[in-house]
Amino acid sequence: MGRPELTVHLIESNKRKAVFLSEAARELQLNNVRVFGGRYQEFDPQTKATTTCRALERLEMELQRIIDHFAASPLFLFLLGRGLLDRYAIEVPGLRKRTFRIPLAKDRYLLEVSRECST
């Protein structure tokens, strides 16, 4: 809604939740949103789009694997609770990280990870 020029892929391993996300995107006419019902490891790594993942186990160990898996993707979005936010303050070479508090949500944050541009 806020960035219609971006193609956004929502990765959800829970099939029921993936169906809900697909229906919500269709109902809201979010034509730039694609929902993939599966694990990120099963998703096409050549996709050049913004990639979101929710409820990843052990994100601190998976973060570099996700970035490597999606070598063509310039931007990643992760949803986190307050308890996990401090754990992901680690620095990863070549990546820029920003966090945003989600309005009207109790202790929920968006972790934005993007590739640093080399000049």
C-alpha atoms as a PDB file:
ATOM      1  CA  MET A   1       0.000   0.000   0.000  1.00  0.00           C
ATOM      2  CA  GLY A   2       2.738   2.409   0.941  1.00  0.00           C
ATOM      3  CA  ARG A   3       5.224   1.296  -1.763  1.00  0.00           C
ATOM      4  CA  PRO A   4       3.259   0.055  -4.801  1.00  0.00           C
ATOM      5  CA  GLU A   5       6.389   0.193  -6.980  1.00  0.00           C
ATOM      6  CA  LEU A   6       7.979  -2.633  -4.960  1.00  0.00           C
ATOM      7  CA  THR A   7       7.231  -6.270  -5.578  1.00  0.00           C
ATOM      8  CA  VAL A   8       6.979  -7.854  -2.142  1.00  0.00           C
ATOM      9  CA  HIS A   9       7.165 -11.585  -1.427  1.00  0.00           C
ATOM     10  CA  LEU A  10       5.690 -12.810   1.847  1.00  0.00           C
ATOM     11  CA  ILE A  11       7.155 -16.153   2.890  1.00  0.00           C
ATOM     12  CA  GLU A  12       4.962 -18.143   5.254  1.00  0.00           C
ATOM     13  CA  SER A  13       5.561 -21.816   6.024  1.00  0.00           C
ATOM     14  CA  ASN A  14       2.165 -22.277   7.710  1.00  0.00           C
ATOM     15  CA  LYS A  15      -0.210 -23.076   4.835  1.00  0.00           C
ATOM     16  CA  ARG A  16      -3.300 -21.736   6.620  1.00  0.00           C
ATOM     17  CA  LYS A  17      -1.578 -18.414   7.305  1.00  0.00           C
ATOM     18  CA  ALA A  18      -0.276 -18.275   3.718  1.00  0.00           C
ATOM     19  CA  VAL A  19      -3.852 -18.660   2.427  1.00  0.00           C
ATOM     20  CA  PHE A  20      -4.975 -15.871   4.771  1.00  0.00           C
ATOM     21  CA  LEU A  21      -2.181 -13.576   3.533  1.00  0.00           C
ATOM     22  CA  SER A  22      -3.068 -14.315  -0.101  1.00  0.00           C
ATOM     23  CA  GLU A  23      -6.735 -13.567   0.516  1.00  0.00           C
ATOM     24  CA  ALA A  24      -5.920 -10.371   2.436  1.00  0.00           C
ATOM     25  CA  ALA A  25      -3.617  -9.149  -0.362  1.00  0.00           C
ATOM     26  CA  ARG A  26      -6.297  -9.928  -2.957  1.00  0.00           C
ATOM     27  CA  GLU A  27      -9.075  -8.261  -0.934  1.00  0.00           C
ATOM     28  CA  LEU A  28      -6.919  -5.164  -0.342  1.00  0.00           C
ATOM     29  CA  GLN A  29      -5.957  -5.143  -4.038  1.00  0.00           C
ATOM     30  CA  LEU A  30      -2.246  -5.292  -3.219  1.00  0.00           C
ATOM     31  CA  ASN A  31      -1.187  -6.283  -6.722  1.00  0.00           C
ATOM     32  CA  ASN A  32       2.511  -6.054  -5.843  1.00  0.00           C
ATOM     33  CA  VAL A  33       2.267  -8.678  -3.070  1.00  0.00           C
ATOM     34  CA  ARG A  34       3.054 -12.347  -3.705  1.00  0.00           C
ATOM     35  CA  VAL A  35       2.644 -15.020  -1.021  1.00  0.00           C
ATOM     36  CA  PHE A  36       4.818 -18.118  -0.982  1.00  0.00           C
ATOM     37  CA  GLY A  37       3.503 -20.989   1.146  1.00  0.00           C
ATOM     38  CA  GLY A  38       6.676 -22.734   2.246  1.00  0.00           C
ATOM     39  CA  ARG A  39      10.024 -22.293   3.941  1.00  0.00           C
ATOM     40  CA  TYR A  40      12.501 -19.705   2.678  1.00  0.00           C
ATOM     41  CA  GLN A  41      14.909 -22.464   1.654  1.00  0.00           C
ATOM     42  CA  GLU A  42      12.302 -23.639  -0.892  1.00  0.00           C
ATOM     43  CA  PHE A  43      11.779 -20.191  -2.410  1.00  0.00           C
ATOM     44  CA  ASP A  44      13.456 -19.162  -5.685  1.00  0.00           C
ATOM     45  CA  PRO A  45      16.667 -17.408  -4.611  1.00  0.00           C
ATOM     46  CA  GLN A  46      16.908 -15.443  -7.884  1.00  0.00           C
ATOM     47  CA  THR A  47      13.872 -13.325  -7.068  1.00  0.00           C
ATOM     48  CA  LYS A  48      14.784  -9.642  -7.188  1.00  0.00           C
ATOM     49  CA  ALA A  49      12.217  -8.326  -4.767  1.00  0.00           C
ATOM     50  CA  THR A  50      11.714  -7.310  -1.191  1.00  0.00           C
ATOM     51  CA  THR A  51      11.525 -10.437   0.946  1.00  0.00           C
ATOM     52  CA  THR A  52       9.739 -10.774   4.266  1.00  0.00           C
ATOM     53  CA  CYS A  53       9.943 -13.626   6.744  1.00  0.00           C
ATOM     54  CA  ARG A  54       7.941 -14.025   9.934  1.00  0.00           C
ATOM     55  CA  ALA A  55       8.673 -16.040  13.049  1.00  0.00           C
ATOM     56  CA  LEU A  56      12.047 -17.406  12.047  1.00  0.00           C
ATOM     57  CA  GLU A  57      13.614 -19.715  14.555  1.00  0.00           C
ATOM     58  CA  ARG A  58      17.164 -18.784  15.502  1.00  0.00           C
ATOM     59  CA  LEU A  59      17.266 -15.692  13.286  1.00  0.00           C
ATOM     60  CA  GLU A  60      20.703 -14.779  14.593  1.00  0.00           C
ATOM     61  CA  MET A  61      22.030 -18.023  13.077  1.00  0.00           C
ATOM     62  CA  GLU A  62      19.842 -17.877   9.968  1.00  0.00           C
ATOM     63  CA  LEU A  63      20.352 -14.220   9.034  1.00  0.00           C
ATOM     64  CA  GLN A  64      23.527 -14.725   7.007  1.00  0.00           C
ATOM     65  CA  ARG A  65      22.078 -17.838   5.325  1.00  0.00           C
ATOM     66  CA  ILE A  66      18.974 -15.887   4.318  1.00  0.00           C
ATOM     67  CA  ILE A  67      21.056 -13.026   2.912  1.00  0.00           C
ATOM     68  CA  ASP A  68      23.250 -15.488   1.004  1.00  0.00           C
ATOM     69  CA  HIS A  69      20.248 -17.499  -0.254  1.00  0.00           C
ATOM     70  CA  PHE A  70      18.595 -14.385  -1.684  1.00  0.00           C
ATOM     71  CA  ALA A  71      21.667 -12.897  -3.336  1.00  0.00           C
ATOM     72  CA  ALA A  72      19.509 -10.936  -5.822  1.00  0.00           C
ATOM     73  CA  SER A  73      17.185  -9.433  -3.202  1.00  0.00           C
ATOM     74  CA  PRO A  74      18.114  -5.892  -2.106  1.00  0.00           C
ATOM     75  CA  LEU A  75      15.899  -5.605   0.974  1.00  0.00           C
ATOM     76  CA  PHE A  76      14.701  -7.912   3.765  1.00  0.00           C
ATOM     77  CA  LEU A  77      12.018  -7.332   6.399  1.00  0.00           C
ATOM     78  CA  PHE A  78      11.686  -9.350   9.613  1.00  0.00           C
ATOM     79  CA  LEU A  79       8.942  -9.060  12.222  1.00  0.00           C
ATOM     80  CA  LEU A  80      10.210  -9.277  15.803  1.00  0.00           C
ATOM     81  CA  GLY A  81       8.912  -8.999  19.324  1.00  0.00           C
ATOM     82  CA  ARG A  82      10.640  -6.757  21.874  1.00  0.00           C
ATOM     83  CA  GLY A  83      12.328  -9.739  23.522  1.00  0.00           C
ATOM     84  CA  LEU A  84      14.158 -10.606  20.308  1.00  0.00           C
ATOM     85  CA  LEU A  85      15.061  -7.095  19.214  1.00  0.00           C
ATOM     86  CA  ASP A  86      18.268  -6.804  21.264  1.00  0.00           C
ATOM     87  CA  ARG A  87      19.482 -10.226  20.103  1.00  0.00           C
ATOM     88  CA  TYR A  88      19.586  -8.999  16.493  1.00  0.00           C
ATOM     89  CA  ALA A  89      21.648  -5.910  17.165  1.00  0.00           C
ATOM     90  CA  ILE A  90      24.642  -7.833  15.770  1.00  0.00           C
ATOM     91  CA  GLU A  91      26.501  -6.214  12.921  1.00  0.00           C
ATOM     92  CA  VAL A  92      26.827  -8.077   9.641  1.00  0.00           C
ATOM     93  CA  PRO A  93      29.456  -6.805   7.176  1.00  0.00           C
ATOM     94  CA  GLY A  94      27.906  -5.316   4.036  1.00  0.00           C
ATOM     95  CA  LEU A  95      24.448  -4.948   5.548  1.00  0.00           C
ATOM     96  CA  ARG A  96      22.615  -1.976   6.959  1.00  0.00           C
ATOM     97  CA  LYS A  97      19.975  -2.608   9.634  1.00  0.00           C
ATOM     98  CA  ARG A  98      17.211  -0.356  10.928  1.00  0.00           C
ATOM     99  CA  THR A  99      14.361  -1.071  13.303  1.00  0.00           C
ATOM    100  CA  PHE A 100      10.900   0.450  13.369  1.00  0.00           C
ATOM    101  CA  ARG A 101       8.248   0.126  16.025  1.00  0.00           C
ATOM    102  CA  ILE A 102       4.970  -1.058  14.516  1.00  0.00           C
ATOM    103  CA  PRO A 103       2.237   1.463  15.332  1.00  0.00           C
ATOM    104  CA  LEU A 104      -0.686   0.245  17.438  1.00  0.00           C
ATOM    105  CA  ALA A 105       1.072  -3.067  18.125  1.00  0.00           C
ATOM    106  CA  LYS A 106       2.328  -3.948  21.561  1.00  0.00           C
ATOM    107  CA  ASP A 107       6.073  -4.594  21.521  1.00  0.00           C
ATOM    108  CA  ARG A 108       6.285  -5.505  17.817  1.00  0.00           C
ATOM    109  CA  TYR A 109       9.083  -4.268  15.581  1.00  0.00           C
ATOM    110  CA  LEU A 110      10.120  -4.417  11.962  1.00  0.00           C
ATOM    111  CA  LEU A 111      13.782  -5.166  11.335  1.00  0.00           C
ATOM    112  CA  GLU A 112      14.843  -3.837   7.923  1.00  0.00           C
ATOM    113  CA  VAL A 113      18.038  -5.287   6.488  1.00  0.00           C
ATOM    114  CA  SER A 114      19.412  -3.917   3.239  1.00  0.00           C
ATOM    115  CA  ARG A 115      22.592  -4.391   1.288  1.00  0.00           C
ATOM    116  CA  GLU A 116      25.055  -1.529   1.567  1.00  0.00           C
ATOM    117  CA  CYS A 117      25.842   0.039  -1.766  1.00  0.00           C
ATOM    118  CA  SER A 118      29.534   0.095  -2.571  1.00  0.00           C
ATOM    119  CA  THR A 119      30.624   3.299  -4.259  1.00  0.00           C
END
